[in-house]
């Protein structure tokens, strides 16, 4: 996403709503993928 440099230099408070939304969207996508994988492979 290319946001780490901005976070490291300016801090979390300087992110735009769009940038925070990108982070949240990526997190939700990863959580959904994990749950789907767990449901497909319950023996893991």
C-alpha atoms as a PDB file:
ATOM      1  CA  UNK A   1       0.000   0.000   0.000  1.00  0.00           C
ATOM      2  CA  UNK A   2       2.989   2.256   0.391  1.00  0.00           C
ATOM      3  CA  UNK A   3       1.843   3.864   3.627  1.00  0.00           C
ATOM      4  CA  UNK A   4       4.531   2.709   6.072  1.00  0.00           C
ATOM      5  CA  UNK A   5       6.902   5.553   5.218  1.00  0.00           C
ATOM      6  CA  UNK A   6       4.164   8.131   5.782  1.00  0.00           C
ATOM      7  CA  UNK A   7       3.169   6.481   9.078  1.00  0.00           C
ATOM      8  CA  UNK A   8       6.782   6.313  10.229  1.00  0.00           C
ATOM      9  CA  UNK A   9       7.543   9.946   9.395  1.00  0.00           C
ATOM     10  CA  UNK A  10       4.245  11.688  10.146  1.00  0.00           C
ATOM     11  CA  UNK A  11       2.360   9.266  12.393  1.00  0.00           C
ATOM     12  CA  UNK A  12      -1.041   7.624  12.215  1.00  0.00           C
ATOM     13  CA  UNK A  13      -2.875  10.892  12.776  1.00  0.00           C
ATOM     14  CA  UNK A  14      -1.785  12.262   9.414  1.00  0.00           C
ATOM     15  CA  UNK A  15      -3.415   9.531   7.326  1.00  0.00           C
ATOM     16  CA  UNK A  16      -6.362  10.467   5.159  1.00  0.00           C
ATOM     17  CA  UNK A  17      -9.723   8.749   5.439  1.00  0.00           C
ATOM     18  CA  UNK A  18      -9.045   7.009   2.142  1.00  0.00           C
ATOM     19  CA  UNK A  19      -5.705   5.651   3.386  1.00  0.00           C
ATOM     20  CA  UNK A  20      -7.229   4.374   6.625  1.00  0.00           C
ATOM     21  CA  UNK A  21     -10.007   2.775   4.576  1.00  0.00           C
ATOM     22  CA  UNK A  22      -7.446   0.949   2.459  1.00  0.00           C
ATOM     23  CA  UNK A  23      -5.850  -0.455   5.602  1.00  0.00           C
ATOM     24  CA  UNK A  24      -9.219  -1.514   7.036  1.00  0.00           C
ATOM     25  CA  UNK A  25     -10.304  -3.073   3.756  1.00  0.00           C
ATOM     26  CA  UNK A  26      -7.098  -5.076   3.529  1.00  0.00           C
ATOM     27  CA  UNK A  27      -7.504  -6.283   7.113  1.00  0.00           C
ATOM     28  CA  UNK A  28     -11.097  -7.420   6.503  1.00  0.00           C
ATOM     29  CA  UNK A  29     -10.077  -9.202   3.300  1.00  0.00           C
ATOM     30  CA  UNK A  30      -7.341 -11.113   5.153  1.00  0.00           C
ATOM     31  CA  UNK A  31      -9.708 -12.023   8.001  1.00  0.00           C
ATOM     32  CA  UNK A  32     -12.294 -13.356   5.541  1.00  0.00           C
ATOM     33  CA  UNK A  33      -9.643 -15.407   3.734  1.00  0.00           C
ATOM     34  CA  UNK A  34      -8.490 -16.884   7.054  1.00  0.00           C
ATOM     35  CA  UNK A  35     -12.017 -17.852   8.118  1.00  0.00           C
ATOM     36  CA  UNK A  36     -12.772 -19.355   4.717  1.00  0.00           C
ATOM     37  CA  UNK A  37      -9.555 -21.383   4.901  1.00  0.00           C
ATOM     38  CA  UNK A  38     -10.411 -22.560   8.420  1.00  0.00           C
ATOM     39  CA  UNK A  39     -13.884 -23.595   7.285  1.00  0.00           C
ATOM     40  CA  UNK A  40     -12.516 -25.481   4.276  1.00  0.00           C
ATOM     41  CA  UNK A  41      -9.807 -27.212   6.377  1.00  0.00           C
ATOM     42  CA  UNK A  42     -11.265 -27.789   9.863  1.00  0.00           C
ATOM     43  CA  UNK A  43      -8.594 -30.357  10.778  1.00  0.00           C
ATOM     44  CA  UNK A  44      -5.756 -27.827  10.788  1.00  0.00           C
END
